[in-house]
Amino acid sequence: MADDKVKGPASYFPSIEKKYGQPIAHWKALLRAGYPAKHMELVALL
């Protein structure tokens, strides 16, 4: 029997999308627009 349950960080995507009203693609685009940057600089963009 195949286990179709999403695991790892992707398992949080539905709750993030619901809470903030934007798809994950929106947040990824923000991060890509911020490159090159250090990790905490990218976190600050979010």
PDB file of N, CA and C in Angstrom:
ATOM      1  N   MET A   1       0.836  -1.181   0.000  1.00  0.00           N
ATOM      2  CA  MET A   1       0.000   0.000   0.000  1.00  0.00           C
ATOM      3  C   MET A   1       0.885   1.250   0.000  1.00  0.00           C
ATOM      4  N   ALA A   2       0.630   2.155  -0.920  1.00  0.00           N
ATOM      5  CA  ALA A   2       1.425   3.374  -1.036  1.00  0.00           C
ATOM      6  C   ALA A   2       0.992   4.395   0.015  1.00  0.00           C
ATOM      7  N   ASP A   3       1.975   5.069   0.573  1.00  0.00           N
ATOM      8  CA  ASP A   3       1.699   6.108   1.563  1.00  0.00           C
ATOM      9  C   ASP A   3       1.725   7.455   0.848  1.00  0.00           C
ATOM     10  N   ASP A   4       0.553   8.063   0.616  1.00  0.00           N
ATOM     11  CA  ASP A   4       0.441   9.304  -0.141  1.00  0.00           C
ATOM     12  C   ASP A   4       0.552  10.552   0.729  1.00  0.00           C
ATOM     13  N   LYS A   5       0.722  10.387   2.029  1.00  0.00           N
ATOM     14  CA  LYS A   5       0.803  11.540   2.925  1.00  0.00           C
ATOM     15  C   LYS A   5       2.094  12.320   2.669  1.00  0.00           C
ATOM     16  N   VAL A   6       1.966  13.636   2.537  1.00  0.00           N
ATOM     17  CA  VAL A   6       3.123  14.500   2.300  1.00  0.00           C
ATOM     18  C   VAL A   6       3.945  14.583   3.579  1.00  0.00           C
ATOM     19  N   LYS A   7       5.263  14.473   3.432  1.00  0.00           N
ATOM     20  CA  LYS A   7       6.157  14.516   4.586  1.00  0.00           C
ATOM     21  C   LYS A   7       7.164  15.639   4.415  1.00  0.00           C
ATOM     22  N   GLY A   8       7.814  15.995   5.492  1.00  0.00           N
ATOM     23  CA  GLY A   8       8.851  17.012   5.450  1.00  0.00           C
ATOM     24  C   GLY A   8       8.276  18.412   5.402  1.00  0.00           C
ATOM     25  N   PRO A   9       9.099  19.375   4.984  1.00  0.00           N
ATOM     26  CA  PRO A   9       8.656  20.772   4.957  1.00  0.00           C
ATOM     27  C   PRO A   9       7.398  20.998   4.118  1.00  0.00           C
ATOM     28  N   ALA A  10       7.221  20.240   3.054  1.00  0.00           N
ATOM     29  CA  ALA A  10       6.039  20.415   2.195  1.00  0.00           C
ATOM     30  C   ALA A  10       4.743  20.154   2.944  1.00  0.00           C
ATOM     31  N   SER A  11       4.807  19.428   4.048  1.00  0.00           N
ATOM     32  CA  SER A  11       3.590  19.157   4.819  1.00  0.00           C
ATOM     33  C   SER A  11       3.048  20.428   5.476  1.00  0.00           C
ATOM     34  N   TYR A  12       3.874  21.462   5.600  1.00  0.00           N
ATOM     35  CA  TYR A  12       3.437  22.730   6.200  1.00  0.00           C
ATOM     36  C   TYR A  12       2.815  23.686   5.185  1.00  0.00           C
ATOM     37  N   PHE A  13       3.008  23.430   3.896  1.00  0.00           N
ATOM     38  CA  PHE A  13       2.560  24.359   2.858  1.00  0.00           C
ATOM     39  C   PHE A  13       1.077  24.694   2.930  1.00  0.00           C
ATOM     40  N   PRO A  14       0.174  23.726   3.069  1.00  0.00           N
ATOM     41  CA  PRO A  14      -1.253  24.077   3.117  1.00  0.00           C
ATOM     42  C   PRO A  14      -1.601  25.035   4.260  1.00  0.00           C
ATOM     43  N   SER A  15      -1.014  24.834   5.430  1.00  0.00           N
ATOM     44  CA  SER A  15      -1.330  25.719   6.555  1.00  0.00           C
ATOM     45  C   SER A  15      -0.733  27.112   6.355  1.00  0.00           C
ATOM     46  N   ILE A  16       0.437  27.203   5.733  1.00  0.00           N
ATOM     47  CA  ILE A  16       1.048  28.505   5.445  1.00  0.00           C
ATOM     48  C   ILE A  16       0.188  29.264   4.441  1.00  0.00           C
ATOM     49  N   GLU A  17      -0.252  28.566   3.394  1.00  0.00           N
ATOM     50  CA  GLU A  17      -1.092  29.199   2.379  1.00  0.00           C
ATOM     51  C   GLU A  17      -2.405  29.688   2.974  1.00  0.00           C
ATOM     52  N   LYS A  18      -2.985  28.898   3.846  1.00  0.00           N
ATOM     53  CA  LYS A  18      -4.253  29.283   4.472  1.00  0.00           C
ATOM     54  C   LYS A  18      -4.064  30.485   5.406  1.00  0.00           C
ATOM     55  N   LYS A  19      -3.021  30.441   6.224  1.00  0.00           N
ATOM     56  CA  LYS A  19      -2.799  31.499   7.213  1.00  0.00           C
ATOM     57  C   LYS A  19      -2.468  32.847   6.571  1.00  0.00           C
ATOM     58  N   TYR A  20      -1.617  32.831   5.535  1.00  0.00           N
ATOM     59  CA  TYR A  20      -1.127  34.078   4.956  1.00  0.00           C
ATOM     60  C   TYR A  20      -1.804  34.465   3.642  1.00  0.00           C
ATOM     61  N   GLY A  21      -2.667  33.591   3.114  1.00  0.00           N
ATOM     62  CA  GLY A  21      -3.456  33.926   1.934  1.00  0.00           C
ATOM     63  C   GLY A  21      -2.690  34.013   0.622  1.00  0.00           C
ATOM     64  N   GLN A  22      -1.512  33.432   0.576  1.00  0.00           N
ATOM     65  CA  GLN A  22      -0.708  33.436  -0.649  1.00  0.00           C
ATOM     66  C   GLN A  22      -0.199  32.019  -0.908  1.00  0.00           C
ATOM     67  N   PRO A  23      -0.080  31.623  -2.178  1.00  0.00           N
ATOM     68  CA  PRO A  23       0.481  30.307  -2.480  1.00  0.00           C
ATOM     69  C   PRO A  23       1.986  30.280  -2.201  1.00  0.00           C
ATOM     70  N   ILE A  24       2.528  29.108  -2.034  1.00  0.00           N
ATOM     71  CA  ILE A  24       3.964  28.956  -1.767  1.00  0.00           C
ATOM     72  C   ILE A  24       4.786  29.577  -2.893  1.00  0.00           C
ATOM     73  N   ALA A  25       4.285  29.506  -4.118  1.00  0.00           N
ATOM     74  CA  ALA A  25       5.000  30.104  -5.253  1.00  0.00           C
ATOM     75  C   ALA A  25       5.242  31.599  -5.036  1.00  0.00           C
ATOM     76  N   HIS A  26       4.327  32.279  -4.387  1.00  0.00           N
ATOM     77  CA  HIS A  26       4.488  33.707  -4.080  1.00  0.00           C
ATOM     78  C   HIS A  26       5.705  33.920  -3.181  1.00  0.00           C
ATOM     79  N   TRP A  27       5.815  33.116  -2.135  1.00  0.00           N
ATOM     80  CA  TRP A  27       6.919  33.262  -1.184  1.00  0.00           C
ATOM     81  C   TRP A  27       8.251  32.885  -1.826  1.00  0.00           C
ATOM     82  N   LYS A  28       8.241  31.853  -2.669  1.00  0.00           N
ATOM     83  CA  LYS A  28       9.462  31.463  -3.376  1.00  0.00           C
ATOM     84  C   LYS A  28       9.924  32.574  -4.311  1.00  0.00           C
ATOM     85  N   ALA A  29       8.981  33.238  -4.974  1.00  0.00           N
ATOM     86  CA  ALA A  29       9.331  34.338  -5.876  1.00  0.00           C
ATOM     87  C   ALA A  29       9.965  35.492  -5.100  1.00  0.00           C
ATOM     88  N   LEU A  30       9.438  35.789  -3.914  1.00  0.00           N
ATOM     89  CA  LEU A  30      10.038  36.836  -3.079  1.00  0.00           C
ATOM     90  C   LEU A  30      11.486  36.499  -2.731  1.00  0.00           C
ATOM     91  N   LEU A  31      11.715  35.246  -2.384  1.00  0.00           N
ATOM     92  CA  LEU A  31      13.067  34.826  -2.018  1.00  0.00           C
ATOM     93  C   LEU A  31      14.003  34.876  -3.215  1.00  0.00           C
ATOM     94  N   ARG A  32      13.532  34.406  -4.375  1.00  0.00           N
ATOM     95  CA  ARG A  32      14.372  34.442  -5.575  1.00  0.00           C
ATOM     96  C   ARG A  32      14.732  35.877  -5.950  1.00  0.00           C
ATOM     97  N   ALA A  33      13.807  36.804  -5.763  1.00  0.00           N
ATOM     98  CA  ALA A  33      14.064  38.212  -6.079  1.00  0.00           C
ATOM     99  C   ALA A  33      15.105  38.812  -5.131  1.00  0.00           C
ATOM    100  N   GLY A  34      15.280  38.212  -3.968  1.00  0.00           N
ATOM    101  CA  GLY A  34      16.222  38.721  -2.979  1.00  0.00           C
ATOM    102  C   GLY A  34      17.631  38.196  -3.118  1.00  0.00           C
ATOM    103  N   TYR A  35      17.872  37.255  -4.036  1.00  0.00           N
ATOM    104  CA  TYR A  35      19.215  36.693  -4.236  1.00  0.00           C
ATOM    105  C   TYR A  35      20.122  37.709  -4.878  1.00  0.00           C
ATOM    106  N   PRO A  36      21.396  37.704  -4.638  1.00  0.00           N
ATOM    107  CA  PRO A  36      22.062  36.915  -3.607  1.00  0.00           C
ATOM    108  C   PRO A  36      21.939  37.612  -2.252  1.00  0.00           C
ATOM    109  N   ALA A  37      21.745  36.822  -1.248  1.00  0.00           N
ATOM    110  CA  ALA A  37      21.611  37.356   0.108  1.00  0.00           C
ATOM    111  C   ALA A  37      21.932  36.255   1.108  1.00  0.00           C
ATOM    112  N   LYS A  38      22.244  36.666   2.311  1.00  0.00           N
ATOM    113  CA  LYS A  38      22.472  35.713   3.394  1.00  0.00           C
ATOM    114  C   LYS A  38      21.131  35.198   3.903  1.00  0.00           C
ATOM    115  N   HIS A  39      21.178  34.086   4.591  1.00  0.00           N
ATOM    116  CA  HIS A  39      19.963  33.434   5.077  1.00  0.00           C
ATOM    117  C   HIS A  39      19.064  34.385   5.861  1.00  0.00           C
ATOM    118  N   MET A  40      19.607  35.071   6.836  1.00  0.00           N
ATOM    119  CA  MET A  40      18.778  35.940   7.677  1.00  0.00           C
ATOM    120  C   MET A  40      18.242  37.149   6.905  1.00  0.00           C
ATOM    121  N   GLU A  41      18.930  37.573   5.872  1.00  0.00           N
ATOM    122  CA  GLU A  41      18.412  38.645   5.018  1.00  0.00           C
ATOM    123  C   GLU A  41      17.182  38.159   4.253  1.00  0.00           C
ATOM    124  N   LEU A  42      17.221  36.908   3.806  1.00  0.00           N
ATOM    125  CA  LEU A  42      16.062  36.329   3.119  1.00  0.00           C
ATOM    126  C   LEU A  42      14.899  36.146   4.088  1.00  0.00           C
ATOM    127  N   VAL A  43      15.195  35.725   5.299  1.00  0.00           N
ATOM    128  CA  VAL A  43      14.149  35.569   6.317  1.00  0.00           C
ATOM    129  C   VAL A  43      13.479  36.916   6.569  1.00  0.00           C
ATOM    130  N   ALA A  44      14.257  37.977   6.611  1.00  0.00           N
ATOM    131  CA  ALA A  44      13.707  39.311   6.843  1.00  0.00           C
ATOM    132  C   ALA A  44      12.772  39.742   5.714  1.00  0.00           C
ATOM    133  N   LEU A  45      13.022  39.276   4.494  1.00  0.00           N
ATOM    134  CA  LEU A  45      12.138  39.596   3.372  1.00  0.00           C
ATOM    135  C   LEU A  45      10.742  39.026   3.574  1.00  0.00           C
ATOM    136  N   LEU A  46      10.691  37.880   4.219  1.00  0.00           N
ATOM    137  CA  LEU A  46       9.404  37.221   4.418  1.00  0.00           C
ATOM    138  C   LEU A  46       8.617  37.912   5.498  1.00  0.00           C
TER     139      LEU A  46
END
